[in-house]
Full PDB file with SEQRES, HELIX, SHEET, SSBOND, CRYST1, ORIGX, SCALE, CONECT and MASTER records, all heavy atoms in Angstrom:
SEQRES   1 A   34  LEU ASN LEU ALA ILE ALA GLN LYS ARG THR GLN GLY VAL          
SEQRES   2 A   34  SER ILE GLN ILE ARG ASP GLY SER ARG GLN ALA SER MET          
SEQRES   3 A   34  VAL SER VAL VAL ILE PRO GLU LYS                              
HELIX    1 AA1 ASN A    2  ALA A    6  1                                   5    
SHEET    1 AA1 2 VAL A  13  ARG A  18  0                                        
SHEET    2 AA1 2 MET A  26  ILE A  31 -1                                        
CRYST1    1.000    1.000    1.000  90.00  90.00  90.00 P 1           1          
ORIGX1      1.000000  0.000000  0.000000        0.00000                         
ORIGX2      0.000000  1.000000  0.000000        0.00000                         
ORIGX3      0.000000  0.000000  1.000000        0.00000                         
SCALE1      1.000000  0.000000  0.000000        0.00000                         
SCALE2      0.000000  1.000000  0.000000        0.00000                         
SCALE3      0.000000  0.000000  1.000000        0.00000                         
ATOM      1  N   LEU A   1       5.619   0.910  -6.733  1.00  0.00           N  
ATOM      2  CA  LEU A   1       4.217   0.729  -7.054  1.00  0.00           C  
ATOM      3  C   LEU A   1       4.052  -0.172  -8.282  1.00  0.00           C  
ATOM      4  O   LEU A   1       3.199  -1.054  -8.299  1.00  0.00           O  
ATOM      5  CB  LEU A   1       3.574   2.098  -7.305  1.00  0.00           C  
ATOM      6  CG  LEU A   1       2.066   2.187  -7.166  1.00  0.00           C  
ATOM      7  CD1 LEU A   1       1.612   1.745  -5.796  1.00  0.00           C  
ATOM      8  CD2 LEU A   1       1.605   3.594  -7.434  1.00  0.00           C  
ATOM      9  N   ASN A   2       4.885   0.041  -9.292  1.00  0.00           N  
ATOM     10  CA  ASN A   2       4.821  -0.797 -10.495  1.00  0.00           C  
ATOM     11  C   ASN A   2       5.171  -2.243 -10.181  1.00  0.00           C  
ATOM     12  O   ASN A   2       4.605  -3.170 -10.764  1.00  0.00           O  
ATOM     13  CB  ASN A   2       5.733  -0.249 -11.589  1.00  0.00           C  
ATOM     14  CG  ASN A   2       5.152   0.987 -12.236  1.00  0.00           C  
ATOM     15  OD1 ASN A   2       3.937   1.160 -12.296  1.00  0.00           O  
ATOM     16  ND2 ASN A   2       6.006   1.866 -12.721  1.00  0.00           N  
ATOM     17  N   LEU A   3       6.085  -2.467  -9.262  1.00  0.00           N  
ATOM     18  CA  LEU A   3       6.438  -3.816  -8.829  1.00  0.00           C  
ATOM     19  C   LEU A   3       5.236  -4.478  -8.158  1.00  0.00           C  
ATOM     20  O   LEU A   3       4.940  -5.650  -8.396  1.00  0.00           O  
ATOM     21  CB  LEU A   3       7.636  -3.771  -7.876  1.00  0.00           C  
ATOM     22  CG  LEU A   3       8.176  -5.105  -7.394  1.00  0.00           C  
ATOM     23  CD1 LEU A   3       8.696  -5.928  -8.579  1.00  0.00           C  
ATOM     24  CD2 LEU A   3       9.294  -4.885  -6.390  1.00  0.00           C  
ATOM     25  N   ALA A   4       4.531  -3.726  -7.327  1.00  0.00           N  
ATOM     26  CA  ALA A   4       3.336  -4.247  -6.659  1.00  0.00           C  
ATOM     27  C   ALA A   4       2.243  -4.576  -7.675  1.00  0.00           C  
ATOM     28  O   ALA A   4       1.535  -5.570  -7.532  1.00  0.00           O  
ATOM     29  CB  ALA A   4       2.826  -3.239  -5.634  1.00  0.00           C  
ATOM     30  N   ILE A   5       2.132  -3.783  -8.726  1.00  0.00           N  
ATOM     31  CA  ILE A   5       1.127  -4.026  -9.764  1.00  0.00           C  
ATOM     32  C   ILE A   5       1.454  -5.301 -10.531  1.00  0.00           C  
ATOM     33  O   ILE A   5       0.565  -6.057 -10.928  1.00  0.00           O  
ATOM     34  CB  ILE A   5       1.019  -2.812 -10.711  1.00  0.00           C  
ATOM     35  CG1 ILE A   5       0.355  -1.643  -9.983  1.00  0.00           C  
ATOM     36  CG2 ILE A   5       0.255  -3.159 -11.978  1.00  0.00           C  
ATOM     37  CD1 ILE A   5       0.373  -0.341 -10.743  1.00  0.00           C  
ATOM     38  N   ALA A   6       2.734  -5.570 -10.743  1.00  0.00           N  
ATOM     39  CA  ALA A   6       3.164  -6.743 -11.508  1.00  0.00           C  
ATOM     40  C   ALA A   6       2.767  -8.051 -10.821  1.00  0.00           C  
ATOM     41  O   ALA A   6       2.627  -9.076 -11.481  1.00  0.00           O  
ATOM     42  CB  ALA A   6       4.677  -6.702 -11.728  1.00  0.00           C  
ATOM     43  N   GLN A   7       2.580  -8.013  -9.518  1.00  0.00           N  
ATOM     44  CA  GLN A   7       2.159  -9.207  -8.782  1.00  0.00           C  
ATOM     45  C   GLN A   7       0.649  -9.325  -8.893  1.00  0.00           C  
ATOM     46  O   GLN A   7      -0.081  -8.522  -8.334  1.00  0.00           O  
ATOM     47  CB  GLN A   7       2.586  -9.111  -7.321  1.00  0.00           C  
ATOM     48  CG  GLN A   7       4.074  -8.975  -7.141  1.00  0.00           C  
ATOM     49  CD  GLN A   7       4.454  -8.622  -5.712  1.00  0.00           C  
ATOM     50  OE1 GLN A   7       3.595  -8.409  -4.863  1.00  0.00           O  
ATOM     51  NE2 GLN A   7       5.752  -8.550  -5.470  1.00  0.00           N  
ATOM     52  N   LYS A   8       0.201 -10.334  -9.639  1.00  0.00           N  
ATOM     53  CA  LYS A   8      -1.246 -10.495  -9.883  1.00  0.00           C  
ATOM     54  C   LYS A   8      -1.965 -10.921  -8.604  1.00  0.00           C  
ATOM     55  O   LYS A   8      -1.515 -11.789  -7.881  1.00  0.00           O  
ATOM     56  CB  LYS A   8      -1.487 -11.535 -10.977  1.00  0.00           C  
ATOM     57  CG  LYS A   8      -0.853 -11.176 -12.297  1.00  0.00           C  
ATOM     58  CD  LYS A   8      -1.498  -9.941 -12.869  1.00  0.00           C  
ATOM     59  CE  LYS A   8      -0.841  -9.565 -14.183  1.00  0.00           C  
ATOM     60  NZ  LYS A   8      -1.176  -8.279 -14.636  1.00  0.00           N  
ATOM     61  N   ARG A   9      -3.102 -10.296  -8.350  1.00  0.00           N  
ATOM     62  CA  ARG A   9      -3.904 -10.600  -7.170  1.00  0.00           C  
ATOM     63  C   ARG A   9      -5.366 -10.709  -7.551  1.00  0.00           C  
ATOM     64  O   ARG A   9      -5.788 -10.156  -8.552  1.00  0.00           O  
ATOM     65  CB  ARG A   9      -3.766  -9.480  -6.133  1.00  0.00           C  
ATOM     66  CG  ARG A   9      -2.399  -9.307  -5.582  1.00  0.00           C  
ATOM     67  CD  ARG A   9      -2.392  -8.043  -4.713  1.00  0.00           C  
ATOM     68  NE  ARG A   9      -1.061  -7.720  -4.329  1.00  0.00           N  
ATOM     69  CZ  ARG A   9      -0.182  -7.077  -5.109  1.00  0.00           C  
ATOM     70  NH1 ARG A   9      -0.523  -6.711  -6.313  1.00  0.00           N  
ATOM     71  NH2 ARG A   9       1.027  -6.820  -4.675  1.00  0.00           N  
ATOM     72  N   THR A  10      -6.104 -11.412  -6.704  1.00  0.00           N  
ATOM     73  CA  THR A  10      -7.546 -11.480  -6.919  1.00  0.00           C  
ATOM     74  C   THR A  10      -8.289 -10.618  -5.910  1.00  0.00           C  
ATOM     75  O   THR A  10      -9.436 -10.280  -6.108  1.00  0.00           O  
ATOM     76  CB  THR A  10      -8.059 -12.931  -6.806  1.00  0.00           C  
ATOM     77  OG1 THR A  10      -7.689 -13.442  -5.521  1.00  0.00           O  
ATOM     78  CG2 THR A  10      -7.464 -13.805  -7.901  1.00  0.00           C  
ATOM     79  N   GLN A  11      -7.618 -10.276  -4.827  1.00  0.00           N  
ATOM     80  CA  GLN A  11      -8.218  -9.461  -3.775  1.00  0.00           C  
ATOM     81  C   GLN A  11      -7.680  -8.040  -3.855  1.00  0.00           C  
ATOM     82  O   GLN A  11      -6.886  -7.710  -4.723  1.00  0.00           O  
ATOM     83  CB  GLN A  11      -7.905 -10.060  -2.404  1.00  0.00           C  
ATOM     84  CG  GLN A  11      -8.421 -11.462  -2.223  1.00  0.00           C  
ATOM     85  CD  GLN A  11      -9.940 -11.522  -2.215  1.00  0.00           C  
ATOM     86  OE1 GLN A  11     -10.606 -10.643  -1.678  1.00  0.00           O  
ATOM     87  NE2 GLN A  11     -10.500 -12.554  -2.827  1.00  0.00           N  
ATOM     88  N   GLY A  12      -8.036  -7.232  -2.902  1.00  0.00           N  
ATOM     89  CA  GLY A  12      -7.520  -5.880  -2.814  1.00  0.00           C  
ATOM     90  C   GLY A  12      -6.043  -5.883  -2.453  1.00  0.00           C  
ATOM     91  O   GLY A  12      -5.442  -6.918  -2.166  1.00  0.00           O  
ATOM     92  N   VAL A  13      -5.460  -4.707  -2.462  1.00  0.00           N  
ATOM     93  CA  VAL A  13      -4.043  -4.535  -2.184  1.00  0.00           C  
ATOM     94  C   VAL A  13      -3.913  -3.720  -0.899  1.00  0.00           C  
ATOM     95  O   VAL A  13      -4.571  -2.700  -0.737  1.00  0.00           O  
ATOM     96  CB  VAL A  13      -3.362  -3.777  -3.347  1.00  0.00           C  
ATOM     97  CG1 VAL A  13      -1.900  -3.561  -3.059  1.00  0.00           C  
ATOM     98  CG2 VAL A  13      -3.555  -4.520  -4.647  1.00  0.00           C  
ATOM     99  N   SER A  14      -3.045  -4.169   0.000  1.00  0.00           N  
ATOM    100  CA  SER A  14      -2.809  -3.437   1.234  1.00  0.00           C  
ATOM    101  C   SER A  14      -1.626  -2.499   1.025  1.00  0.00           C  
ATOM    102  O   SER A  14      -0.555  -2.922   0.590  1.00  0.00           O  
ATOM    103  CB  SER A  14      -2.505  -4.412   2.375  1.00  0.00           C  
ATOM    104  OG  SER A  14      -2.221  -3.695   3.552  1.00  0.00           O  
ATOM    105  N   ILE A  15      -1.836  -1.228   1.299  1.00  0.00           N  
ATOM    106  CA  ILE A  15      -0.736  -0.262   1.205  1.00  0.00           C  
ATOM    107  C   ILE A  15      -0.566   0.388   2.562  1.00  0.00           C  
ATOM    108  O   ILE A  15      -1.507   0.477   3.350  1.00  0.00           O  
ATOM    109  CB  ILE A  15      -0.970   0.806   0.109  1.00  0.00           C  
ATOM    110  CG1 ILE A  15      -2.220   1.635   0.382  1.00  0.00           C  
ATOM    111  CG2 ILE A  15      -1.045   0.166  -1.264  1.00  0.00           C  
ATOM    112  CD1 ILE A  15      -2.376   2.812  -0.545  1.00  0.00           C  
ATOM    113  N   GLN A  16       0.638   0.827   2.824  1.00  0.00           N  
ATOM    114  CA  GLN A  16       0.926   1.500   4.089  1.00  0.00           C  
ATOM    115  C   GLN A  16       1.170   2.975   3.802  1.00  0.00           C  
ATOM    116  O   GLN A  16       1.881   3.326   2.861  1.00  0.00           O  
ATOM    117  CB  GLN A  16       2.152   0.888   4.754  1.00  0.00           C  
ATOM    118  CG  GLN A  16       1.923  -0.527   5.210  1.00  0.00           C  
ATOM    119  CD  GLN A  16       3.149  -1.105   5.901  1.00  0.00           C  
ATOM    120  OE1 GLN A  16       4.240  -0.571   5.798  1.00  0.00           O  
ATOM    121  NE2 GLN A  16       2.935  -2.199   6.609  1.00  0.00           N  
ATOM    122  N   ILE A  17       0.599   3.800   4.634  1.00  0.00           N  
ATOM    123  CA  ILE A  17       0.732   5.246   4.477  1.00  0.00           C  
ATOM    124  C   ILE A  17       1.402   5.774   5.737  1.00  0.00           C  
ATOM    125  O   ILE A  17       0.997   5.462   6.856  1.00  0.00           O  
ATOM    126  CB  ILE A  17      -0.645   5.911   4.294  1.00  0.00           C  
ATOM    127  CG1 ILE A  17      -1.348   5.312   3.084  1.00  0.00           C  
ATOM    128  CG2 ILE A  17      -0.490   7.415   4.152  1.00  0.00           C  
ATOM    129  CD1 ILE A  17      -2.792   5.725   2.952  1.00  0.00           C  
ATOM    130  N   ARG A  18       2.442   6.564   5.542  1.00  0.00           N  
ATOM    131  CA  ARG A  18       3.109   7.180   6.685  1.00  0.00           C  
ATOM    132  C   ARG A  18       3.503   8.596   6.307  1.00  0.00           C  
ATOM    133  O   ARG A  18       3.693   8.919   5.138  1.00  0.00           O  
ATOM    134  CB  ARG A  18       4.318   6.372   7.131  1.00  0.00           C  
ATOM    135  CG  ARG A  18       5.418   6.360   6.122  1.00  0.00           C  
ATOM    136  CD  ARG A  18       6.601   5.602   6.623  1.00  0.00           C  
ATOM    137  NE  ARG A  18       7.638   5.709   5.602  1.00  0.00           N  
ATOM    138  CZ  ARG A  18       8.866   5.376   5.776  1.00  0.00           C  
ATOM    139  NH1 ARG A  18       9.260   4.907   6.923  1.00  0.00           N  
ATOM    140  NH2 ARG A  18       9.743   5.501   4.827  1.00  0.00           N  
ATOM    141  N   ASP A  19       3.667   9.429   7.320  1.00  0.00           N  
ATOM    142  CA  ASP A  19       4.120  10.781   7.025  1.00  0.00           C  
ATOM    143  C   ASP A  19       5.637  10.750   6.867  1.00  0.00           C  
ATOM    144  O   ASP A  19       6.293   9.771   7.193  1.00  0.00           O  
ATOM    145  CB  ASP A  19       3.659  11.782   8.088  1.00  0.00           C  
ATOM    146  CG  ASP A  19       4.226  11.500   9.463  1.00  0.00           C  
ATOM    147  OD1 ASP A  19       5.247  10.792   9.564  1.00  0.00           O  
ATOM    148  OD2 ASP A  19       3.652  11.996  10.450  1.00  0.00           O  
ATOM    149  N   GLY A  20       6.192  11.795   6.346  1.00  0.00           N  
ATOM    150  CA  GLY A  20       7.614  11.828   6.035  1.00  0.00           C  
ATOM    151  C   GLY A  20       8.526  12.170   7.198  1.00  0.00           C  
ATOM    152  O   GLY A  20       9.733  12.270   7.025  1.00  0.00           O  
ATOM    153  N   SER A  21       7.973  12.307   8.382  1.00  0.00           N  
ATOM    154  CA  SER A  21       8.812  12.708   9.516  1.00  0.00           C  
ATOM    155  C   SER A  21       9.634  11.534  10.045  1.00  0.00           C  
ATOM    156  O   SER A  21       9.408  10.396   9.697  1.00  0.00           O  
ATOM    157  CB  SER A  21       7.948  13.289  10.639  1.00  0.00           C  
ATOM    158  OG  SER A  21       7.156  12.261  11.203  1.00  0.00           O  
ATOM    159  N   ARG A  22      10.591  11.831  10.895  1.00  0.00           N  
ATOM    160  CA  ARG A  22      11.457  10.816  11.509  1.00  0.00           C  
ATOM    161  C   ARG A  22      10.637   9.804  12.301  1.00  0.00           C  
ATOM    162  O   ARG A  22      10.853   8.622  12.241  1.00  0.00           O  
ATOM    163  CB  ARG A  22      12.448  11.470  12.473  1.00  0.00           C  
ATOM    164  CG  ARG A  22      13.804  11.863  12.010  1.00  0.00           C  
ATOM    165  CD  ARG A  22      14.456  10.895  11.194  1.00  0.00           C  
ATOM    166  NE  ARG A  22      15.888  10.758  11.412  1.00  0.00           N  
ATOM    167  CZ  ARG A  22      16.581   9.928  10.690  1.00  0.00           C  
ATOM    168  NH1 ARG A  22      15.990   9.201   9.788  1.00  0.00           N  
ATOM    169  NH2 ARG A  22      17.859   9.817  10.872  1.00  0.00           N  
ATOM    170  N   GLN A  23       9.720  10.323  13.105  1.00  0.00           N  
ATOM    171  CA  GLN A  23       8.882   9.453  13.924  1.00  0.00           C  
ATOM    172  C   GLN A  23       7.579   9.209  13.167  1.00  0.00           C  
ATOM    173  O   GLN A  23       6.542   9.752  13.492  1.00  0.00           O  
ATOM    174  CB  GLN A  23       8.609  10.105  15.274  1.00  0.00           C  
ATOM    175  CG  GLN A  23       9.879  10.387  16.049  1.00  0.00           C  
ATOM    176  CD  GLN A  23       9.642  11.381  17.166  1.00  0.00           C  
ATOM    177  OE1 GLN A  23       8.655  12.098  17.176  1.00  0.00           O  
ATOM    178  NE2 GLN A  23      10.575  11.426  18.102  1.00  0.00           N  
ATOM    179  N   ALA A  24       7.703   8.391  12.156  1.00  0.00           N  
ATOM    180  CA  ALA A  24       6.592   8.199  11.232  1.00  0.00           C  
ATOM    181  C   ALA A  24       5.477   7.371  11.853  1.00  0.00           C  
ATOM    182  O   ALA A  24       5.703   6.284  12.349  1.00  0.00           O  
ATOM    183  CB  ALA A  24       7.090   7.522   9.967  1.00  0.00           C  
ATOM    184  N   SER A  25       4.281   7.924  11.819  1.00  0.00           N  
ATOM    185  CA  SER A  25       3.107   7.139  12.184  1.00  0.00           C  
ATOM    186  C   SER A  25       2.637   6.449  10.911  1.00  0.00           C  
ATOM    187  O   SER A  25       2.672   7.031   9.833  1.00  0.00           O  
ATOM    188  CB  SER A  25       2.018   8.035  12.756  1.00  0.00           C  
ATOM    189  OG  SER A  25       1.648   9.006  11.806  1.00  0.00           O  
ATOM    190  N   MET A  26       2.249   5.184  11.018  1.00  0.00           N  
ATOM    191  CA  MET A  26       1.920   4.403   9.841  1.00  0.00           C  
ATOM    192  C   MET A  26       0.503   3.849   9.948  1.00  0.00           C  
ATOM    193  O   MET A  26       0.080   3.419  11.020  1.00  0.00           O  
ATOM    194  CB  MET A  26       2.919   3.253   9.692  1.00  0.00           C  
ATOM    195  CG  MET A  26       2.877   2.635   8.327  1.00  0.00           C  
ATOM    196  SD  MET A  26       4.146   1.379   8.063  1.00  0.00           S  
ATOM    197  CE  MET A  26       5.631   2.200   8.535  1.00  0.00           C  
ATOM    198  N   VAL A  27      -0.194   3.867   8.830  1.00  0.00           N  
ATOM    199  CA  VAL A  27      -1.544   3.338   8.742  1.00  0.00           C  
ATOM    200  C   VAL A  27      -1.585   2.412   7.537  1.00  0.00           C  
ATOM    201  O   VAL A  27      -1.040   2.729   6.474  1.00  0.00           O  
ATOM    202  CB  VAL A  27      -2.572   4.488   8.549  1.00  0.00           C  
ATOM    203  CG1 VAL A  27      -3.949   3.947   8.328  1.00  0.00           C  
ATOM    204  CG2 VAL A  27      -2.536   5.439   9.717  1.00  0.00           C  
ATOM    205  N   SER A  28      -2.230   1.253   7.671  1.00  0.00           N  
ATOM    206  CA  SER A  28      -2.411   0.340   6.542  1.00  0.00           C  
ATOM    207  C   SER A  28      -3.848   0.438   6.070  1.00  0.00           C  
ATOM    208  O   SER A  28      -4.776   0.558   6.880  1.00  0.00           O  
ATOM    209  CB  SER A  28      -2.120  -1.102   6.951  1.00  0.00           C  
ATOM    210  OG  SER A  28      -0.753  -1.274   7.179  1.00  0.00           O  
ATOM    211  N   VAL A  29      -4.027   0.365   4.764  1.00  0.00           N  
ATOM    212  CA  VAL A  29      -5.363   0.410   4.178  1.00  0.00           C  
ATOM    213  C   VAL A  29      -5.398  -0.539   2.980  1.00  0.00           C  
ATOM    214  O   VAL A  29      -4.399  -0.704   2.281  1.00  0.00           O  
ATOM    215  CB  VAL A  29      -5.739   1.866   3.771  1.00  0.00           C  
ATOM    216  CG1 VAL A  29      -4.827   2.390   2.692  1.00  0.00           C  
ATOM    217  CG2 VAL A  29      -7.182   1.954   3.337  1.00  0.00           C  
ATOM    218  N   VAL A  30      -6.530  -1.187   2.785  1.00  0.00           N  
ATOM    219  CA  VAL A  30      -6.704  -2.081   1.640  1.00  0.00           C  
ATOM    220  C   VAL A  30      -7.486  -1.320   0.580  1.00  0.00           C  
ATOM    221  O   VAL A  30      -8.534  -0.732   0.862  1.00  0.00           O  
ATOM    222  CB  VAL A  30      -7.458  -3.370   2.047  1.00  0.00           C  
ATOM    223  CG1 VAL A  30      -7.704  -4.248   0.832  1.00  0.00           C  
ATOM    224  CG2 VAL A  30      -6.676  -4.129   3.103  1.00  0.00           C  
ATOM    225  N   ILE A  31      -6.937  -1.319  -0.654  1.00  0.00           N  
ATOM    226  CA  ILE A  31      -7.593  -0.639  -1.772  1.00  0.00           C  
ATOM    227  C   ILE A  31      -7.788  -1.629  -2.917  1.00  0.00           C  
ATOM    228  O   ILE A  31      -7.046  -2.610  -3.018  1.00  0.00           O  
ATOM    229  CB  ILE A  31      -6.789   0.594  -2.250  1.00  0.00           C  
ATOM    230  CG1 ILE A  31      -5.408   0.177  -2.787  1.00  0.00           C  
ATOM    231  CG2 ILE A  31      -6.654   1.617  -1.142  1.00  0.00           C  
ATOM    232  CD1 ILE A  31      -4.656   1.299  -3.465  1.00  0.00           C  
ATOM    233  N   PRO A  32      -8.744  -1.396  -3.789  1.00  0.00           N  
ATOM    234  CA  PRO A  32      -8.911  -2.263  -4.956  1.00  0.00           C  
ATOM    235  C   PRO A  32      -7.692  -2.165  -5.872  1.00  0.00           C  
ATOM    236  O   PRO A  32      -7.029  -1.123  -5.935  1.00  0.00           O  
ATOM    237  CB  PRO A  32     -10.149  -1.695  -5.661  1.00  0.00           C  
ATOM    238  CG  PRO A  32     -10.806  -0.809  -4.673  1.00  0.00           C  
ATOM    239  CD  PRO A  32      -9.759  -0.353  -3.714  1.00  0.00           C  
ATOM    240  N   GLU A  33      -7.398  -3.243  -6.579  1.00  0.00           N  
ATOM    241  CA  GLU A  33      -6.231  -3.245  -7.463  1.00  0.00           C  
ATOM    242  C   GLU A  33      -6.352  -2.177  -8.545  1.00  0.00           C  
ATOM    243  O   GLU A  33      -5.360  -1.563  -8.936  1.00  0.00           O  
ATOM    244  CB  GLU A  33      -6.035  -4.620  -8.095  1.00  0.00           C  
ATOM    245  CG  GLU A  33      -4.711  -4.716  -8.816  1.00  0.00           C  
ATOM    246  CD  GLU A  33      -4.342  -6.125  -9.221  1.00  0.00           C  
ATOM    247  OE1 GLU A  33      -4.986  -7.070  -8.776  1.00  0.00           O  
ATOM    248  OE2 GLU A  33      -3.391  -6.248 -10.017  1.00  0.00           O  
ATOM    249  N   LYS A  34      -7.565  -1.912  -9.022  1.00  0.00           N  
ATOM    250  CA  LYS A  34      -7.752  -0.856 -10.031  1.00  0.00           C  
ATOM    251  C   LYS A  34      -7.321   0.504  -9.493  1.00  0.00           C  
ATOM    252  O   LYS A  34      -6.791   1.327 -10.224  1.00  0.00           O  
ATOM    253  CB  LYS A  34      -9.203  -0.808 -10.503  1.00  0.00           C  
ATOM    254  CG  LYS A  34      -9.584  -1.976 -11.383  1.00  0.00           C  
ATOM    255  CD  LYS A  34     -11.001  -1.852 -11.884  1.00  0.00           C  
ATOM    256  CE  LYS A  34     -11.343  -3.044 -12.743  1.00  0.00           C  
ATOM    257  NZ  LYS A  34     -12.661  -2.943 -13.345  1.00  0.00           N  
TER     258      LYS A  34                                                      
MASTER        0    0    0    1    2    0    0    6  257    1    0    3          
END                                                                             
């Protein structure tokens, strides 16, 4: 996360969310840098 913060952006940041299981379902969401 700190590495992602170090990269300066002007737009929102896309993060991927997945559950911890083997067959992970993944969802991407854009959030503000703040």
